[in-house]
Amino acid sequence: MSENIPGNSAGSKPAGGEPPKTWHRPDGSVIACVEKIRLLNENFNELQQLAQDAFDDGLLMGCSEQQMREAFRALFEGLTPSFPERHD
């Protein structure tokens, strides 16, 4: 199903750069709304491309690959939600 949803094309992304095949709610149920899936996939793809560009820039400017990865992990681990999880 997800292969036919806009925003879920692989293009020339490196391995590991694919959105999940299914998106889940906090209770584990699958999100089935095509528009929600499209937006989630588009956001994932845009974020992946932005991160790839920033990663490449850092390496081209002489940063350590290990430090770049650690900085990105810390960035994501430090994110806090702006809204509570929905349980509906």
PDB file of N, CA and C in Angstrom:
ATOM      1  N   MET A   1       0.819  -1.193   0.000  1.00  0.00           N
ATOM      2  CA  MET A   1       0.000   0.000   0.000  1.00  0.00           C
ATOM      3  C   MET A   1       0.856   1.246   0.000  1.00  0.00           C
ATOM      4  N   SER A   2       1.894   1.317   0.830  1.00  0.00           N
ATOM      5  CA  SER A   2       2.681   2.537   0.952  1.00  0.00           C
ATOM      6  C   SER A   2       3.441   2.882  -0.318  1.00  0.00           C
ATOM      7  N   GLU A   3       3.692   1.900  -1.197  1.00  0.00           N
ATOM      8  CA  GLU A   3       4.433   2.199  -2.409  1.00  0.00           C
ATOM      9  C   GLU A   3       3.661   3.123  -3.346  1.00  0.00           C
ATOM     10  N   ASN A   4       2.334   3.162  -3.239  1.00  0.00           N
ATOM     11  CA  ASN A   4       1.515   3.983  -4.120  1.00  0.00           C
ATOM     12  C   ASN A   4       1.174   5.341  -3.521  1.00  0.00           C
ATOM     13  N   ILE A   5       1.727   5.644  -2.377  1.00  0.00           N
ATOM     14  CA  ILE A   5       1.414   6.897  -1.705  1.00  0.00           C
ATOM     15  C   ILE A   5       2.458   7.946  -2.061  1.00  0.00           C
ATOM     16  N   PRO A   6       2.020   9.144  -2.496  1.00  0.00           N
ATOM     17  CA  PRO A   6       2.985  10.189  -2.819  1.00  0.00           C
ATOM     18  C   PRO A   6       3.904  10.473  -1.643  1.00  0.00           C
ATOM     19  N   GLY A   7       5.141  10.784  -1.962  1.00  0.00           N
ATOM     20  CA  GLY A   7       6.102  11.097  -0.915  1.00  0.00           C
ATOM     21  C   GLY A   7       6.802   9.870  -0.372  1.00  0.00           C
ATOM     22  N   ASN A   8       6.550   8.691  -0.958  1.00  0.00           N
ATOM     23  CA  ASN A   8       7.174   7.467  -0.467  1.00  0.00           C
ATOM     24  C   ASN A   8       8.078   6.840  -1.518  1.00  0.00           C
ATOM     25  N   SER A   9       8.590   7.654  -2.436  1.00  0.00           N
ATOM     26  CA  SER A   9       9.479   7.123  -3.454  1.00  0.00           C
ATOM     27  C   SER A   9      10.908   7.158  -2.950  1.00  0.00           C
ATOM     28  N   ALA A  10      11.668   6.135  -3.303  1.00  0.00           N
ATOM     29  CA  ALA A  10      13.030   6.009  -2.793  1.00  0.00           C
ATOM     30  C   ALA A  10      13.991   6.957  -3.498  1.00  0.00           C
ATOM     31  N   GLY A  11      13.809   7.170  -4.786  1.00  0.00           N
ATOM     32  CA  GLY A  11      14.738   8.017  -5.512  1.00  0.00           C
ATOM     33  C   GLY A  11      16.150   7.478  -5.423  1.00  0.00           C
ATOM     34  N   SER A  12      17.121   8.363  -5.164  1.00  0.00           N
ATOM     35  CA  SER A  12      18.522   7.936  -5.094  1.00  0.00           C
ATOM     36  C   SER A  12      19.034   8.009  -3.664  1.00  0.00           C
ATOM     37  N   LYS A  13      18.159   7.801  -2.686  1.00  0.00           N
ATOM     38  CA  LYS A  13      18.565   7.876  -1.289  1.00  0.00           C
ATOM     39  C   LYS A  13      19.456   6.706  -0.917  1.00  0.00           C
ATOM     40  N   PRO A  14      20.399   6.937  -0.002  1.00  0.00           N
ATOM     41  CA  PRO A  14      21.229   5.841   0.465  1.00  0.00           C
ATOM     42  C   PRO A  14      20.419   4.854   1.289  1.00  0.00           C
ATOM     43  N   ALA A  15      20.956   3.639   1.462  1.00  0.00           N
ATOM     44  CA  ALA A  15      20.294   2.619   2.267  1.00  0.00           C
ATOM     45  C   ALA A  15      20.002   3.170   3.648  1.00  0.00           C
ATOM     46  N   GLY A  16      18.862   2.795   4.204  1.00  0.00           N
ATOM     47  CA  GLY A  16      18.492   3.279   5.523  1.00  0.00           C
ATOM     48  C   GLY A  16      17.752   4.599   5.485  1.00  0.00           C
ATOM     49  N   GLY A  17      17.576   5.177   4.320  1.00  0.00           N
ATOM     50  CA  GLY A  17      16.921   6.461   4.204  1.00  0.00           C
ATOM     51  C   GLY A  17      15.467   6.367   3.798  1.00  0.00           C
ATOM     52  N   GLU A  18      14.822   5.256   4.110  1.00  0.00           N
ATOM     53  CA  GLU A  18      13.427   5.061   3.732  1.00  0.00           C
ATOM     54  C   GLU A  18      12.506   5.315   4.916  1.00  0.00           C
ATOM     55  N   PRO A  19      11.339   5.917   4.663  1.00  0.00           N
ATOM     56  CA  PRO A  19      10.363   6.032   5.752  1.00  0.00           C
ATOM     57  C   PRO A  19       9.865   4.645   6.146  1.00  0.00           C
ATOM     58  N   PRO A  20       9.324   4.511   7.336  1.00  0.00           N
ATOM     59  CA  PRO A  20       8.775   3.208   7.731  1.00  0.00           C
ATOM     60  C   PRO A  20       7.701   2.753   6.753  1.00  0.00           C
ATOM     61  N   LYS A  21       7.543   1.459   6.594  1.00  0.00           N
ATOM     62  CA  LYS A  21       6.492   0.943   5.699  1.00  0.00           C
ATOM     63  C   LYS A  21       5.111   1.279   6.247  1.00  0.00           C
ATOM     64  N   THR A  22       4.986   1.329   7.579  1.00  0.00           N
ATOM     65  CA  THR A  22       3.740   1.741   8.215  1.00  0.00           C
ATOM     66  C   THR A  22       4.070   2.691   9.360  1.00  0.00           C
ATOM     67  N   TRP A  23       3.165   3.626   9.597  1.00  0.00           N
ATOM     68  CA  TRP A  23       3.277   4.551  10.726  1.00  0.00           C
ATOM     69  C   TRP A  23       2.267   4.102  11.768  1.00  0.00           C
ATOM     70  N   HIS A  24       2.638   4.175  13.052  1.00  0.00           N
ATOM     71  CA  HIS A  24       1.786   3.655  14.120  1.00  0.00           C
ATOM     72  C   HIS A  24       1.421   4.715  15.153  1.00  0.00           C
ATOM     73  N   ARG A  25       0.255   4.537  15.749  1.00  0.00           N
ATOM     74  CA  ARG A  25      -0.193   5.356  16.875  1.00  0.00           C
ATOM     75  C   ARG A  25       0.476   4.833  18.141  1.00  0.00           C
ATOM     76  N   PRO A  26       0.402   5.589  19.245  1.00  0.00           N
ATOM     77  CA  PRO A  26       1.008   5.127  20.506  1.00  0.00           C
ATOM     78  C   PRO A  26       0.513   3.750  20.963  1.00  0.00           C
ATOM     79  N   ASP A  27      -0.733   3.390  20.593  1.00  0.00           N
ATOM     80  CA  ASP A  27      -1.262   2.084  21.006  1.00  0.00           C
ATOM     81  C   ASP A  27      -0.843   0.957  20.066  1.00  0.00           C
ATOM     82  N   GLY A  28      -0.059   1.286  19.041  1.00  0.00           N
ATOM     83  CA  GLY A  28       0.429   0.273  18.110  1.00  0.00           C
ATOM     84  C   GLY A  28      -0.426   0.095  16.871  1.00  0.00           C
ATOM     85  N   SER A  29      -1.621   0.688  16.836  1.00  0.00           N
ATOM     86  CA  SER A  29      -2.467   0.554  15.651  1.00  0.00           C
ATOM     87  C   SER A  29      -1.866   1.350  14.487  1.00  0.00           C
ATOM     88  N   VAL A  30      -2.192   0.925  13.288  1.00  0.00           N
ATOM     89  CA  VAL A  30      -1.616   1.508  12.072  1.00  0.00           C
ATOM     90  C   VAL A  30      -2.398   2.751  11.652  1.00  0.00           C
ATOM     91  N   ILE A  31      -1.673   3.785  11.280  1.00  0.00           N
ATOM     92  CA  ILE A  31      -2.302   4.974  10.703  1.00  0.00           C
ATOM     93  C   ILE A  31      -2.630   4.641   9.256  1.00  0.00           C
ATOM     94  N   ALA A  32      -3.914   4.770   8.895  1.00  0.00           N
ATOM     95  CA  ALA A  32      -4.364   4.356   7.569  1.00  0.00           C
ATOM     96  C   ALA A  32      -4.731   5.522   6.655  1.00  0.00           C
ATOM     97  N   CYS A  33      -4.880   6.718   7.195  1.00  0.00           N
ATOM     98  CA  CYS A  33      -5.273   7.880   6.402  1.00  0.00           C
ATOM     99  C   CYS A  33      -4.183   8.201   5.376  1.00  0.00           C
ATOM    100  N   VAL A  34      -4.542   8.166   4.111  1.00  0.00           N
ATOM    101  CA  VAL A  34      -3.584   8.371   3.019  1.00  0.00           C
ATOM    102  C   VAL A  34      -2.933   9.746   3.101  1.00  0.00           C
ATOM    103  N   GLU A  35      -3.698  10.778   3.447  1.00  0.00           N
ATOM    104  CA  GLU A  35      -3.130  12.123   3.542  1.00  0.00           C
ATOM    105  C   GLU A  35      -2.132  12.232   4.687  1.00  0.00           C
ATOM    106  N   LYS A  36      -2.426  11.604   5.825  1.00  0.00           N
ATOM    107  CA  LYS A  36      -1.484  11.613   6.944  1.00  0.00           C
ATOM    108  C   LYS A  36      -0.202  10.881   6.566  1.00  0.00           C
ATOM    109  N   ILE A  37      -0.346   9.740   5.915  1.00  0.00           N
ATOM    110  CA  ILE A  37       0.826   8.953   5.498  1.00  0.00           C
ATOM    111  C   ILE A  37       1.662   9.744   4.491  1.00  0.00           C
ATOM    112  N   ARG A  38       0.980  10.390   3.555  1.00  0.00           N
ATOM    113  CA  ARG A  38       1.691  11.202   2.554  1.00  0.00           C
ATOM    114  C   ARG A  38       2.510  12.290   3.235  1.00  0.00           C
ATOM    115  N   LEU A  39       1.908  13.001   4.195  1.00  0.00           N
ATOM    116  CA  LEU A  39       2.605  14.086   4.888  1.00  0.00           C
ATOM    117  C   LEU A  39       3.760  13.546   5.738  1.00  0.00           C
ATOM    118  N   LEU A  40       3.539  12.453   6.455  1.00  0.00           N
ATOM    119  CA  LEU A  40       4.608  11.846   7.251  1.00  0.00           C
ATOM    120  C   LEU A  40       5.779  11.434   6.365  1.00  0.00           C
ATOM    121  N   ASN A  41       5.471  10.827   5.224  1.00  0.00           N
ATOM    122  CA  ASN A  41       6.533  10.404   4.302  1.00  0.00           C
ATOM    123  C   ASN A  41       7.270  11.595   3.702  1.00  0.00           C
ATOM    124  N   GLU A  42       6.528  12.627   3.329  1.00  0.00           N
ATOM    125  CA  GLU A  42       7.167  13.832   2.780  1.00  0.00           C
ATOM    126  C   GLU A  42       8.077  14.480   3.822  1.00  0.00           C
ATOM    127  N   ASN A  43       7.597  14.597   5.070  1.00  0.00           N
ATOM    128  CA  ASN A  43       8.418  15.175   6.135  1.00  0.00           C
ATOM    129  C   ASN A  43       9.679  14.351   6.351  1.00  0.00           C
ATOM    130  N   PHE A  44       9.540  13.038   6.367  1.00  0.00           N
ATOM    131  CA  PHE A  44      10.683  12.145   6.544  1.00  0.00           C
ATOM    132  C   PHE A  44      11.697  12.366   5.423  1.00  0.00           C
ATOM    133  N   ASN A  45      11.214  12.384   4.179  1.00  0.00           N
ATOM    134  CA  ASN A  45      12.105  12.540   3.029  1.00  0.00           C
ATOM    135  C   ASN A  45      12.811  13.899   3.038  1.00  0.00           C
ATOM    136  N   GLU A  46      12.087  14.960   3.392  1.00  0.00           N
ATOM    137  CA  GLU A  46      12.698  16.291   3.465  1.00  0.00           C
ATOM    138  C   GLU A  46      13.753  16.347   4.561  1.00  0.00           C
ATOM    139  N   LEU A  47      13.446  15.773   5.707  1.00  0.00           N
ATOM    140  CA  LEU A  47      14.392  15.756   6.820  1.00  0.00           C
ATOM    141  C   LEU A  47      15.631  14.936   6.464  1.00  0.00           C
ATOM    142  N   GLN A  48      15.432  13.812   5.809  1.00  0.00           N
ATOM    143  CA  GLN A  48      16.560  12.970   5.401  1.00  0.00           C
ATOM    144  C   GLN A  48      17.477  13.744   4.455  1.00  0.00           C
ATOM    145  N   GLN A  49      16.904  14.467   3.507  1.00  0.00           N
ATOM    146  CA  GLN A  49      17.722  15.223   2.549  1.00  0.00           C
ATOM    147  C   GLN A  49      18.454  16.370   3.238  1.00  0.00           C
ATOM    148  N   LEU A  50      17.778  17.066   4.147  1.00  0.00           N
ATOM    149  CA  LEU A  50      18.413  18.160   4.884  1.00  0.00           C
ATOM    150  C   LEU A  50      19.567  17.626   5.738  1.00  0.00           C
ATOM    151  N   ALA A  51      19.332  16.506   6.418  1.00  0.00           N
ATOM    152  CA  ALA A  51      20.384  15.903   7.247  1.00  0.00           C
ATOM    153  C   ALA A  51      21.555  15.451   6.385  1.00  0.00           C
ATOM    154  N   GLN A  52      21.269  14.872   5.222  1.00  0.00           N
ATOM    155  CA  GLN A  52      22.341  14.426   4.321  1.00  0.00           C
ATOM    156  C   GLN A  52      23.183  15.613   3.868  1.00  0.00           C
ATOM    157  N   ASP A  53      22.518  16.703   3.505  1.00  0.00           N
ATOM    158  CA  ASP A  53      23.232  17.902   3.062  1.00  0.00           C
ATOM    159  C   ASP A  53      24.115  18.460   4.180  1.00  0.00           C
ATOM    160  N   ALA A  54      23.584  18.532   5.398  1.00  0.00           N
ATOM    161  CA  ALA A  54      24.348  19.053   6.537  1.00  0.00           C
ATOM    162  C   ALA A  54      25.520  18.131   6.874  1.00  0.00           C
ATOM    163  N   PHE A  55      25.279  16.830   6.792  1.00  0.00           N
ATOM    164  CA  PHE A  55      26.331  15.838   7.050  1.00  0.00           C
ATOM    165  C   PHE A  55      27.462  15.995   6.036  1.00  0.00           C
ATOM    166  N   ASP A  56      27.094  16.074   4.759  1.00  0.00           N
ATOM    167  CA  ASP A  56      28.092  16.244   3.695  1.00  0.00           C
ATOM    168  C   ASP A  56      28.858  17.556   3.871  1.00  0.00           C
ATOM    169  N   ASP A  57      28.156  18.634   4.203  1.00  0.00           N
ATOM    170  CA  ASP A  57      28.823  19.923   4.426  1.00  0.00           C
ATOM    171  C   ASP A  57      29.857  19.808   5.544  1.00  0.00           C
ATOM    172  N   GLY A  58      29.464  19.168   6.644  1.00  0.00           N
ATOM    173  CA  GLY A  58      30.396  19.007   7.764  1.00  0.00           C
ATOM    174  C   GLY A  58      31.642  18.253   7.369  1.00  0.00           C
ATOM    175  N   LEU A  59      31.462  17.173   6.611  1.00  0.00           N
ATOM    176  CA  LEU A  59      32.619  16.387   6.173  1.00  0.00           C
ATOM    177  C   LEU A  59      33.491  17.180   5.209  1.00  0.00           C
ATOM    178  N   LEU A  60      32.858  17.917   4.301  1.00  0.00           N
ATOM    179  CA  LEU A  60      33.626  18.728   3.355  1.00  0.00           C
ATOM    180  C   LEU A  60      34.407  19.831   4.053  1.00  0.00           C
ATOM    181  N   MET A  61      33.911  20.296   5.207  1.00  0.00           N
ATOM    182  CA  MET A  61      34.606  21.341   5.960  1.00  0.00           C
ATOM    183  C   MET A  61      35.609  20.767   6.949  1.00  0.00           C
ATOM    184  N   GLY A  62      35.789  19.451   6.927  1.00  0.00           N
ATOM    185  CA  GLY A  62      36.828  18.829   7.735  1.00  0.00           C
ATOM    186  C   GLY A  62      36.389  18.235   9.054  1.00  0.00           C
ATOM    187  N   CYS A  63      35.086  18.228   9.351  1.00  0.00           N
ATOM    188  CA  CYS A  63      34.617  17.633  10.607  1.00  0.00           C
ATOM    189  C   CYS A  63      34.780  16.114  10.573  1.00  0.00           C
ATOM    190  N   SER A  64      34.914  15.555  11.746  1.00  0.00           N
ATOM    191  CA  SER A  64      34.975  14.111  11.903  1.00  0.00           C
ATOM    192  C   SER A  64      33.595  13.516  11.640  1.00  0.00           C
ATOM    193  N   GLU A  65      33.552  12.407  10.879  1.00  0.00           N
ATOM    194  CA  GLU A  65      32.289  11.719  10.644  1.00  0.00           C
ATOM    195  C   GLU A  65      31.668  11.277  11.973  1.00  0.00           C
ATOM    196  N   GLN A  66      32.504  10.756  12.866  1.00  0.00           N
ATOM    197  CA  GLN A  66      32.003  10.290  14.162  1.00  0.00           C
ATOM    198  C   GLN A  66      31.365  11.443  14.944  1.00  0.00           C
ATOM    199  N   GLN A  67      32.024  12.599  14.956  1.00  0.00           N
ATOM    200  CA  GLN A  67      31.464  13.737  15.678  1.00  0.00           C
ATOM    201  C   GLN A  67      30.155  14.203  15.053  1.00  0.00           C
ATOM    202  N   MET A  68      30.082  14.216  13.737  1.00  0.00           N
ATOM    203  CA  MET A  68      28.841  14.614  13.065  1.00  0.00           C
ATOM    204  C   MET A  68      27.706  13.678  13.467  1.00  0.00           C
ATOM    205  N   ARG A  69      27.973  12.380  13.448  1.00  0.00           N
ATOM    206  CA  ARG A  69      26.938  11.409  13.824  1.00  0.00           C
ATOM    207  C   ARG A  69      26.512  11.590  15.278  1.00  0.00           C
ATOM    208  N   GLU A  70      27.485  11.795  16.171  1.00  0.00           N
ATOM    209  CA  GLU A  70      27.170  12.004  17.588  1.00  0.00           C
ATOM    210  C   GLU A  70      26.346  13.276  17.781  1.00  0.00           C
ATOM    211  N   ALA A  71      26.691  14.331  17.056  1.00  0.00           N
ATOM    212  CA  ALA A  71      25.959  15.593  17.170  1.00  0.00           C
ATOM    213  C   ALA A  71      24.520  15.430  16.677  1.00  0.00           C
ATOM    214  N   PHE A  72      24.337  14.715  15.574  1.00  0.00           N
ATOM    215  CA  PHE A  72      22.988  14.491  15.044  1.00  0.00           C
ATOM    216  C   PHE A  72      22.175  13.615  15.996  1.00  0.00           C
ATOM    217  N   ARG A  73      22.806  12.577  16.559  1.00  0.00           N
ATOM    218  CA  ARG A  73      22.092  11.731  17.530  1.00  0.00           C
ATOM    219  C   ARG A  73      21.655  12.565  18.733  1.00  0.00           C
ATOM    220  N   ALA A  74      22.557  13.396  19.233  1.00  0.00           N
ATOM    221  CA  ALA A  74      22.235  14.247  20.383  1.00  0.00           C
ATOM    222  C   ALA A  74      21.105  15.216  20.035  1.00  0.00           C
ATOM    223  N   LEU A  75      21.129  15.740  18.829  1.00  0.00           N
ATOM    224  CA  LEU A  75      20.071  16.641  18.387  1.00  0.00           C
ATOM    225  C   LEU A  75      18.718  15.946  18.449  1.00  0.00           C
ATOM    226  N   PHE A  76      18.630  14.757  17.887  1.00  0.00           N
ATOM    227  CA  PHE A  76      17.356  14.037  17.859  1.00  0.00           C
ATOM    228  C   PHE A  76      16.937  13.575  19.247  1.00  0.00           C
ATOM    229  N   GLU A  77      17.886  13.112  20.031  1.00  0.00           N
ATOM    230  CA  GLU A  77      17.567  12.671  21.384  1.00  0.00           C
ATOM    231  C   GLU A  77      17.096  13.836  22.254  1.00  0.00           C
ATOM    232  N   GLY A  78      17.532  15.035  21.929  1.00  0.00           N
ATOM    233  CA  GLY A  78      17.165  16.208  22.700  1.00  0.00           C
ATOM    234  C   GLY A  78      15.848  16.846  22.300  1.00  0.00           C
ATOM    235  N   LEU A  79      15.237  16.359  21.227  1.00  0.00           N
ATOM    236  CA  LEU A  79      13.954  16.920  20.811  1.00  0.00           C
ATOM    237  C   LEU A  79      12.888  16.623  21.861  1.00  0.00           C
ATOM    238  N   THR A  80      12.061  17.613  22.122  1.00  0.00           N
ATOM    239  CA  THR A  80      10.934  17.416  23.021  1.00  0.00           C
ATOM    240  C   THR A  80       9.657  17.749  22.261  1.00  0.00           C
ATOM    241  N   PRO A  81       8.594  17.002  22.501  1.00  0.00           N
ATOM    242  CA  PRO A  81       7.358  17.255  21.751  1.00  0.00           C
ATOM    243  C   PRO A  81       6.736  18.604  22.107  1.00  0.00           C
ATOM    244  N   SER A  82       6.182  19.251  21.113  1.00  0.00           N
ATOM    245  CA  SER A  82       5.453  20.498  21.329  1.00  0.00           C
ATOM    246  C   SER A  82       4.012  20.226  21.748  1.00  0.00           C
ATOM    247  N   PHE A  83       3.566  18.992  21.513  1.00  0.00           N
ATOM    248  CA  PHE A  83       2.208  18.579  21.827  1.00  0.00           C
ATOM    249  C   PHE A  83       2.260  17.213  22.493  1.00  0.00           C
ATOM    250  N   PRO A  84       1.285  16.895  23.340  1.00  0.00           N
ATOM    251  CA  PRO A  84       1.243  15.549  23.913  1.00  0.00           C
ATOM    252  C   PRO A  84       0.840  14.526  22.845  1.00  0.00           C
ATOM    253  N   GLU A  85       1.230  13.269  23.043  1.00  0.00           N
ATOM    254  CA  GLU A  85       0.792  12.210  22.139  1.00  0.00           C
ATOM    255  C   GLU A  85      -0.718  12.120  22.168  1.00  0.00           C
ATOM    256  N   ARG A  86      -1.269  11.851  20.994  1.00  0.00           N
ATOM    257  CA  ARG A  86      -2.724  11.658  20.893  1.00  0.00           C
ATOM    258  C   ARG A  86      -3.031  10.192  21.151  1.00  0.00           C
ATOM    259  N   HIS A  87      -4.068   9.947  21.907  1.00  0.00           N
ATOM    260  CA  HIS A  87      -4.474   8.570  22.204  1.00  0.00           C
ATOM    261  C   HIS A  87      -5.934   8.357  21.806  1.00  0.00           C
ATOM    262  N   ASP A  88      -6.289   8.844  20.602  1.00  0.00           N
ATOM    263  CA  ASP A  88      -7.666   8.675  20.130  1.00  0.00           C
ATOM    264  C   ASP A  88      -7.762   7.720  18.983  1.00  0.00           C
TER     265      ASP A  88
END
